[in-house]
Amino acid sequence: MTQRPQMNITNPEAYQAMGQLEKYVAASGLEPRLLELIKIRASQINGCAFCLDMHTKDARKLGETEQRIYTLPAWRETPYFSPQEQAVLALTEAVTLVAETHVPDDVYNEAARHFEPAELGNIIMAIITINAWNRIAISTRKMPQ
């Protein structure tokens, strides 16, 4: 696959706007390892090699275990994720697959049991942001470093 023109060069203002959204999410107060789980799981679903490469490395730097990273696609069948993480992973999947799921009430309500409304809003923004980054990287064929 040939890498296509990159948006940071062809559309720098739009790319900078995405960067500002990423800065908001990073400063939202959500636990950094939880943010990386969101980014990895959405990127797995979307098949974004660039983001998977980046965020698995970032997660490991934050102390995430190989075992949890490797079993993330099968998180429901493992004992490795807390109830809060499970709720976030289910919400990540539902939002990422929004055209199929329309984010079912039970998934949303389970996440709402574990997080305050503002935290839940930040989680949703994190999910939306990584999905946007995935779409940018995939459509421009951004290659892992």
N, C-alpha and C. Protein backbone atom coordinates (compact mmCIF):
# COMPACT_ATOMS: atom_id res chain seq x y z
N MET A 1 0.83 -1.18 0.00
CA MET A 1 0.00 0.00 0.00
C MET A 1 0.88 1.24 0.00
N THR A 2 0.50 2.18 -0.80
CA THR A 2 1.22 3.44 -0.88
C THR A 2 0.55 4.45 0.03
N GLN A 3 1.37 5.11 0.84
CA GLN A 3 0.85 6.15 1.71
C GLN A 3 0.34 7.29 0.84
N ARG A 4 -0.81 7.83 1.19
CA ARG A 4 -1.41 8.94 0.47
C ARG A 4 -0.98 10.26 1.11
N PRO A 5 -1.25 11.37 0.42
CA PRO A 5 -0.91 12.66 1.04
C PRO A 5 -1.49 12.77 2.46
N GLN A 6 -0.69 13.30 3.37
CA GLN A 6 -1.06 13.35 4.78
C GLN A 6 -1.75 14.67 5.12
N MET A 7 -2.81 14.56 5.90
CA MET A 7 -3.64 15.72 6.22
C MET A 7 -2.90 16.78 7.02
N ASN A 8 -1.92 16.39 7.81
CA ASN A 8 -1.17 17.41 8.56
C ASN A 8 -0.43 18.35 7.61
N ILE A 9 -0.19 17.91 6.38
CA ILE A 9 0.47 18.73 5.36
C ILE A 9 -0.56 19.38 4.44
N THR A 10 -1.52 18.60 3.97
CA THR A 10 -2.49 19.12 3.00
C THR A 10 -3.60 19.94 3.65
N ASN A 11 -3.94 19.63 4.89
CA ASN A 11 -5.04 20.30 5.59
C ASN A 11 -4.61 20.61 7.03
N PRO A 12 -3.59 21.43 7.20
CA PRO A 12 -3.02 21.63 8.53
C PRO A 12 -4.01 22.20 9.56
N GLU A 13 -4.92 23.06 9.16
CA GLU A 13 -5.85 23.63 10.13
C GLU A 13 -6.82 22.57 10.66
N ALA A 14 -7.29 21.72 9.78
CA ALA A 14 -8.18 20.63 10.20
C ALA A 14 -7.43 19.67 11.12
N TYR A 15 -6.19 19.37 10.76
CA TYR A 15 -5.38 18.47 11.56
C TYR A 15 -5.11 19.07 12.94
N GLN A 16 -4.85 20.37 12.98
CA GLN A 16 -4.64 21.05 14.26
C GLN A 16 -5.91 21.03 15.11
N ALA A 17 -7.06 21.15 14.49
CA ALA A 17 -8.32 21.06 15.23
C ALA A 17 -8.47 19.69 15.87
N MET A 18 -8.11 18.64 15.14
CA MET A 18 -8.13 17.30 15.72
C MET A 18 -7.14 17.22 16.88
N GLY A 19 -5.99 17.84 16.73
CA GLY A 19 -5.00 17.86 17.80
C GLY A 19 -5.53 18.54 19.06
N GLN A 20 -6.32 19.58 18.88
CA GLN A 20 -6.92 20.25 20.03
C GLN A 20 -7.93 19.35 20.73
N LEU A 21 -8.70 18.60 19.95
CA LEU A 21 -9.64 17.65 20.55
C LEU A 21 -8.88 16.58 21.33
N GLU A 22 -7.78 16.11 20.78
CA GLU A 22 -6.94 15.12 21.47
C GLU A 22 -6.38 15.70 22.77
N LYS A 23 -5.97 16.96 22.74
CA LYS A 23 -5.47 17.61 23.96
C LYS A 23 -6.57 17.71 25.02
N TYR A 24 -7.79 18.01 24.58
CA TYR A 24 -8.91 18.07 25.53
C TYR A 24 -9.09 16.71 26.21
N VAL A 25 -9.12 15.66 25.41
CA VAL A 25 -9.32 14.31 25.95
C VAL A 25 -8.19 13.95 26.91
N ALA A 26 -6.96 14.25 26.54
CA ALA A 26 -5.81 13.92 27.39
C ALA A 26 -5.86 14.67 28.72
N ALA A 27 -6.42 15.86 28.72
CA ALA A 27 -6.49 16.68 29.94
C ALA A 27 -7.82 16.51 30.68
N SER A 28 -8.65 15.59 30.25
CA SER A 28 -10.00 15.44 30.80
C SER A 28 -10.05 14.83 32.20
N GLY A 29 -8.93 14.30 32.64
CA GLY A 29 -8.89 13.68 33.96
C GLY A 29 -9.14 12.19 33.94
N LEU A 30 -9.42 11.63 32.78
CA LEU A 30 -9.58 10.18 32.69
C LEU A 30 -8.24 9.51 32.87
N GLU A 31 -8.26 8.34 33.48
CA GLU A 31 -7.04 7.60 33.77
C GLU A 31 -6.34 7.25 32.45
N PRO A 32 -5.04 7.59 32.31
CA PRO A 32 -4.34 7.38 31.04
C PRO A 32 -4.38 5.94 30.52
N ARG A 33 -4.27 4.95 31.39
CA ARG A 33 -4.32 3.56 30.91
C ARG A 33 -5.70 3.22 30.37
N LEU A 34 -6.75 3.77 30.97
CA LEU A 34 -8.10 3.56 30.46
C LEU A 34 -8.24 4.18 29.07
N LEU A 35 -7.69 5.37 28.90
CA LEU A 35 -7.73 6.00 27.58
C LEU A 35 -7.03 5.14 26.53
N GLU A 36 -5.91 4.54 26.91
CA GLU A 36 -5.20 3.69 25.95
C GLU A 36 -6.02 2.44 25.61
N LEU A 37 -6.72 1.87 26.59
CA LEU A 37 -7.60 0.72 26.29
C LEU A 37 -8.66 1.12 25.29
N ILE A 38 -9.24 2.30 25.46
CA ILE A 38 -10.24 2.80 24.51
C ILE A 38 -9.62 2.90 23.12
N LYS A 39 -8.44 3.51 23.05
CA LYS A 39 -7.79 3.74 21.76
C LYS A 39 -7.42 2.42 21.08
N ILE A 40 -6.92 1.48 21.85
CA ILE A 40 -6.53 0.19 21.27
C ILE A 40 -7.76 -0.56 20.79
N ARG A 41 -8.81 -0.63 21.63
CA ARG A 41 -9.99 -1.43 21.25
C ARG A 41 -10.67 -0.85 20.02
N ALA A 42 -10.86 0.45 19.96
CA ALA A 42 -11.48 1.06 18.78
C ALA A 42 -10.61 0.82 17.54
N SER A 43 -9.30 0.96 17.70
CA SER A 43 -8.38 0.76 16.58
C SER A 43 -8.37 -0.69 16.10
N GLN A 44 -8.55 -1.64 17.02
CA GLN A 44 -8.68 -3.04 16.62
C GLN A 44 -9.92 -3.24 15.76
N ILE A 45 -11.03 -2.71 16.21
CA ILE A 45 -12.29 -2.86 15.47
C ILE A 45 -12.17 -2.23 14.09
N ASN A 46 -11.56 -1.05 14.03
CA ASN A 46 -11.45 -0.33 12.77
C ASN A 46 -10.31 -0.83 11.88
N GLY A 47 -9.42 -1.64 12.44
CA GLY A 47 -8.30 -2.15 11.65
C GLY A 47 -7.27 -1.09 11.33
N CYS A 48 -6.99 -0.21 12.27
CA CYS A 48 -6.04 0.88 12.04
C CYS A 48 -4.65 0.48 12.55
N ALA A 49 -3.80 0.06 11.64
CA ALA A 49 -2.46 -0.40 12.01
C ALA A 49 -1.63 0.71 12.63
N PHE A 50 -1.72 1.91 12.09
CA PHE A 50 -0.93 3.03 12.63
C PHE A 50 -1.28 3.28 14.09
N CYS A 51 -2.58 3.37 14.38
CA CYS A 51 -3.01 3.67 15.75
C CYS A 51 -2.76 2.49 16.69
N LEU A 52 -2.92 1.27 16.21
CA LEU A 52 -2.60 0.11 17.04
C LEU A 52 -1.13 0.10 17.42
N ASP A 53 -0.27 0.37 16.48
CA ASP A 53 1.16 0.42 16.75
C ASP A 53 1.45 1.49 17.80
N MET A 54 0.91 2.68 17.62
CA MET A 54 1.16 3.79 18.53
C MET A 54 0.62 3.51 19.93
N HIS A 55 -0.63 3.09 20.01
CA HIS A 55 -1.27 3.01 21.32
C HIS A 55 -0.92 1.77 22.11
N THR A 56 -0.52 0.69 21.47
CA THR A 56 -0.01 -0.44 22.25
C THR A 56 1.34 -0.07 22.87
N LYS A 57 2.16 0.68 22.14
CA LYS A 57 3.43 1.16 22.68
C LYS A 57 3.18 2.12 23.84
N ASP A 58 2.25 3.05 23.63
CA ASP A 58 1.93 4.03 24.69
C ASP A 58 1.40 3.32 25.93
N ALA A 59 0.55 2.32 25.74
CA ALA A 59 -0.02 1.58 26.88
C ALA A 59 1.08 0.87 27.66
N ARG A 60 2.01 0.25 26.96
CA ARG A 60 3.11 -0.44 27.64
C ARG A 60 3.96 0.54 28.43
N LYS A 61 4.18 1.74 27.89
CA LYS A 61 4.95 2.76 28.62
C LYS A 61 4.24 3.16 29.92
N LEU A 62 2.92 3.07 29.93
CA LEU A 62 2.14 3.40 31.12
C LEU A 62 2.01 2.23 32.08
N GLY A 63 2.61 1.09 31.73
CA GLY A 63 2.58 -0.07 32.62
C GLY A 63 1.52 -1.10 32.27
N GLU A 64 0.85 -0.93 31.14
CA GLU A 64 -0.14 -1.92 30.74
C GLU A 64 0.57 -3.23 30.44
N THR A 65 -0.07 -4.35 30.79
CA THR A 65 0.56 -5.65 30.60
C THR A 65 0.31 -6.19 29.20
N GLU A 66 1.26 -7.00 28.75
CA GLU A 66 1.12 -7.67 27.46
C GLU A 66 -0.13 -8.55 27.46
N GLN A 67 -0.36 -9.23 28.57
CA GLN A 67 -1.50 -10.14 28.66
C GLN A 67 -2.82 -9.42 28.39
N ARG A 68 -2.98 -8.25 29.00
CA ARG A 68 -4.23 -7.51 28.80
C ARG A 68 -4.32 -6.95 27.38
N ILE A 69 -3.21 -6.50 26.84
CA ILE A 69 -3.23 -6.00 25.46
C ILE A 69 -3.59 -7.13 24.50
N TYR A 70 -2.97 -8.30 24.68
CA TYR A 70 -3.21 -9.42 23.77
C TYR A 70 -4.63 -9.95 23.86
N THR A 71 -5.23 -9.89 25.05
CA THR A 71 -6.57 -10.45 25.22
C THR A 71 -7.68 -9.42 25.07
N LEU A 72 -7.32 -8.20 24.76
CA LEU A 72 -8.33 -7.14 24.65
C LEU A 72 -9.47 -7.47 23.68
N PRO A 73 -9.20 -8.09 22.52
CA PRO A 73 -10.32 -8.43 21.64
C PRO A 73 -11.31 -9.42 22.28
N ALA A 74 -10.86 -10.16 23.26
CA ALA A 74 -11.71 -11.16 23.94
C ALA A 74 -11.93 -10.78 25.40
N TRP A 75 -12.01 -9.50 25.69
CA TRP A 75 -12.09 -9.03 27.08
C TRP A 75 -13.24 -9.65 27.85
N ARG A 76 -14.33 -9.97 27.19
CA ARG A 76 -15.49 -10.55 27.89
C ARG A 76 -15.18 -11.95 28.44
N GLU A 77 -14.21 -12.63 27.85
CA GLU A 77 -13.89 -14.00 28.25
C GLU A 77 -12.68 -14.07 29.18
N THR A 78 -12.26 -12.94 29.72
CA THR A 78 -11.09 -12.94 30.60
C THR A 78 -11.45 -12.37 31.97
N PRO A 79 -10.63 -12.65 32.98
CA PRO A 79 -10.81 -12.03 34.29
C PRO A 79 -9.93 -10.80 34.48
N TYR A 80 -9.33 -10.29 33.42
CA TYR A 80 -8.27 -9.29 33.53
C TYR A 80 -8.75 -7.84 33.60
N PHE A 81 -10.02 -7.59 33.35
CA PHE A 81 -10.51 -6.22 33.27
C PHE A 81 -11.55 -5.96 34.35
N SER A 82 -11.42 -4.83 35.01
CA SER A 82 -12.34 -4.46 36.09
C SER A 82 -13.73 -4.20 35.53
N PRO A 83 -14.75 -4.20 36.40
CA PRO A 83 -16.11 -3.88 35.93
C PRO A 83 -16.18 -2.51 35.24
N GLN A 84 -15.44 -1.52 35.74
CA GLN A 84 -15.43 -0.21 35.09
C GLN A 84 -14.80 -0.29 33.70
N GLU A 85 -13.70 -1.01 33.59
CA GLU A 85 -13.05 -1.17 32.29
C GLU A 85 -13.96 -1.93 31.33
N GLN A 86 -14.63 -2.95 31.82
CA GLN A 86 -15.57 -3.71 30.98
C GLN A 86 -16.68 -2.80 30.45
N ALA A 87 -17.20 -1.95 31.31
CA ALA A 87 -18.26 -1.02 30.88
C ALA A 87 -17.73 -0.07 29.80
N VAL A 88 -16.51 0.40 29.96
CA VAL A 88 -15.92 1.31 28.98
C VAL A 88 -15.63 0.57 27.67
N LEU A 89 -15.15 -0.65 27.76
CA LEU A 89 -14.88 -1.42 26.54
C LEU A 89 -16.17 -1.71 25.78
N ALA A 90 -17.23 -2.06 26.49
CA ALA A 90 -18.52 -2.29 25.82
C ALA A 90 -19.02 -1.01 25.15
N LEU A 91 -18.87 0.11 25.84
CA LEU A 91 -19.28 1.39 25.26
C LEU A 91 -18.41 1.75 24.06
N THR A 92 -17.12 1.48 24.16
CA THR A 92 -16.21 1.74 23.04
C THR A 92 -16.65 0.95 21.81
N GLU A 93 -16.97 -0.31 22.01
CA GLU A 93 -17.42 -1.13 20.88
C GLU A 93 -18.73 -0.60 20.31
N ALA A 94 -19.67 -0.23 21.16
CA ALA A 94 -20.97 0.24 20.70
C ALA A 94 -20.86 1.56 19.94
N VAL A 95 -20.06 2.48 20.46
CA VAL A 95 -19.89 3.77 19.77
C VAL A 95 -19.12 3.58 18.47
N THR A 96 -18.09 2.75 18.48
CA THR A 96 -17.31 2.50 17.27
C THR A 96 -18.17 1.87 16.19
N LEU A 97 -19.08 1.00 16.58
CA LEU A 97 -19.98 0.32 15.63
C LEU A 97 -21.37 0.96 15.64
N VAL A 98 -21.42 2.27 15.80
CA VAL A 98 -22.68 2.98 16.02
C VAL A 98 -23.72 2.71 14.92
N ALA A 99 -23.31 2.53 13.69
CA ALA A 99 -24.28 2.26 12.62
C ALA A 99 -25.00 0.93 12.83
N GLU A 100 -24.32 0.00 13.49
CA GLU A 100 -24.92 -1.31 13.77
C GLU A 100 -25.65 -1.33 15.11
N THR A 101 -25.09 -0.66 16.12
CA THR A 101 -25.59 -0.82 17.48
C THR A 101 -26.51 0.29 17.96
N HIS A 102 -26.31 1.49 17.45
CA HIS A 102 -27.02 2.67 17.94
C HIS A 102 -26.86 2.84 19.44
N VAL A 103 -25.77 2.34 20.00
CA VAL A 103 -25.42 2.42 21.41
C VAL A 103 -26.63 2.04 22.28
N PRO A 104 -26.79 0.74 22.50
CA PRO A 104 -27.95 0.26 23.27
C PRO A 104 -28.01 0.85 24.67
N ASP A 105 -29.22 1.01 25.17
CA ASP A 105 -29.43 1.57 26.50
C ASP A 105 -28.69 0.78 27.57
N ASP A 106 -28.70 -0.55 27.47
CA ASP A 106 -28.06 -1.33 28.52
C ASP A 106 -26.55 -1.07 28.57
N VAL A 107 -25.93 -0.88 27.44
CA VAL A 107 -24.49 -0.59 27.39
C VAL A 107 -24.22 0.79 27.98
N TYR A 108 -24.99 1.76 27.55
CA TYR A 108 -24.83 3.12 28.07
C TYR A 108 -25.10 3.16 29.58
N ASN A 109 -26.17 2.54 30.00
CA ASN A 109 -26.55 2.57 31.41
C ASN A 109 -25.52 1.88 32.30
N GLU A 110 -24.91 0.82 31.81
CA GLU A 110 -23.87 0.15 32.59
C GLU A 110 -22.67 1.08 32.77
N ALA A 111 -22.28 1.77 31.73
CA ALA A 111 -21.18 2.73 31.86
C ALA A 111 -21.58 3.86 32.80
N ALA A 112 -22.82 4.30 32.73
CA ALA A 112 -23.29 5.39 33.59
C ALA A 112 -23.32 4.98 35.06
N ARG A 113 -23.42 3.68 35.34
CA ARG A 113 -23.37 3.20 36.73
C ARG A 113 -21.99 3.42 37.36
N HIS A 114 -20.97 3.44 36.52
CA HIS A 114 -19.59 3.50 37.00
C HIS A 114 -18.97 4.90 36.93
N PHE A 115 -19.57 5.80 36.19
CA PHE A 115 -18.96 7.10 35.97
C PHE A 115 -19.99 8.21 36.12
N GLU A 116 -19.52 9.33 36.63
CA GLU A 116 -20.34 10.54 36.72
C GLU A 116 -20.64 11.04 35.30
N PRO A 117 -21.71 11.81 35.13
CA PRO A 117 -22.06 12.28 33.78
C PRO A 117 -20.93 12.97 33.02
N ALA A 118 -20.18 13.84 33.69
CA ALA A 118 -19.08 14.53 33.00
C ALA A 118 -17.98 13.54 32.59
N GLU A 119 -17.69 12.57 33.46
CA GLU A 119 -16.69 11.55 33.11
C GLU A 119 -17.18 10.73 31.92
N LEU A 120 -18.44 10.36 31.94
CA LEU A 120 -19.00 9.57 30.85
C LEU A 120 -18.94 10.37 29.54
N GLY A 121 -19.23 11.66 29.63
CA GLY A 121 -19.10 12.50 28.44
C GLY A 121 -17.67 12.53 27.92
N ASN A 122 -16.71 12.58 28.83
CA ASN A 122 -15.30 12.56 28.40
C ASN A 122 -14.91 11.21 27.80
N ILE A 123 -15.46 10.13 28.33
CA ILE A 123 -15.21 8.81 27.75
C ILE A 123 -15.76 8.75 26.33
N ILE A 124 -16.97 9.24 26.15
CA ILE A 124 -17.56 9.24 24.81
C ILE A 124 -16.73 10.11 23.87
N MET A 125 -16.26 11.26 24.35
CA MET A 125 -15.41 12.11 23.50
C MET A 125 -14.10 11.39 23.15
N ALA A 126 -13.55 10.63 24.09
CA ALA A 126 -12.33 9.87 23.80
C ALA A 126 -12.59 8.82 22.72
N ILE A 127 -13.73 8.15 22.81
CA ILE A 127 -14.09 7.14 21.81
C ILE A 127 -14.28 7.79 20.44
N ILE A 128 -14.99 8.89 20.41
CA ILE A 128 -15.22 9.60 19.15
C ILE A 128 -13.89 10.08 18.55
N THR A 129 -13.02 10.58 19.39
CA THR A 129 -11.74 11.12 18.91
C THR A 129 -10.87 10.03 18.29
N ILE A 130 -10.74 8.88 18.96
CA ILE A 130 -9.91 7.83 18.36
C ILE A 130 -10.54 7.29 17.09
N ASN A 131 -11.86 7.23 17.04
CA ASN A 131 -12.50 6.81 15.79
C ASN A 131 -12.20 7.78 14.66
N ALA A 132 -12.18 9.07 14.95
CA ALA A 132 -11.84 10.05 13.93
C ALA A 132 -10.38 9.89 13.49
N TRP A 133 -9.47 9.72 14.47
CA TRP A 133 -8.06 9.50 14.12
C TRP A 133 -7.91 8.23 13.27
N ASN A 134 -8.63 7.16 13.63
CA ASN A 134 -8.57 5.93 12.84
C ASN A 134 -8.97 6.19 11.40
N ARG A 135 -10.02 6.94 11.21
CA ARG A 135 -10.51 7.21 9.87
C ARG A 135 -9.52 8.08 9.07
N ILE A 136 -8.87 9.00 9.75
CA ILE A 136 -7.84 9.81 9.07
C ILE A 136 -6.68 8.91 8.67
N ALA A 137 -6.18 8.10 9.60
CA ALA A 137 -5.02 7.25 9.31
C ALA A 137 -5.32 6.21 8.24
N ILE A 138 -6.50 5.60 8.31
CA ILE A 138 -6.85 4.57 7.33
C ILE A 138 -7.07 5.19 5.95
N SER A 139 -7.79 6.29 5.88
CA SER A 139 -8.09 6.87 4.56
C SER A 139 -6.86 7.46 3.89
N THR A 140 -5.86 7.84 4.68
CA THR A 140 -4.61 8.37 4.08
C THR A 140 -3.51 7.31 4.04
N ARG A 141 -3.86 6.09 4.51
CA ARG A 141 -2.92 4.97 4.54
C ARG A 141 -1.64 5.31 5.30
N LYS A 142 -1.82 5.93 6.44
CA LYS A 142 -0.68 6.29 7.30
C LYS A 142 -0.04 5.00 7.81
N MET A 143 1.25 4.90 7.64
CA MET A 143 1.99 3.70 7.98
C MET A 143 2.55 3.79 9.40
N PRO A 144 2.59 2.64 10.11
CA PRO A 144 3.25 2.64 11.41
C PRO A 144 4.71 3.04 11.27
N GLN A 145 5.23 3.64 12.30
CA GLN A 145 6.63 4.13 12.28
C GLN A 145 7.58 2.95 12.43
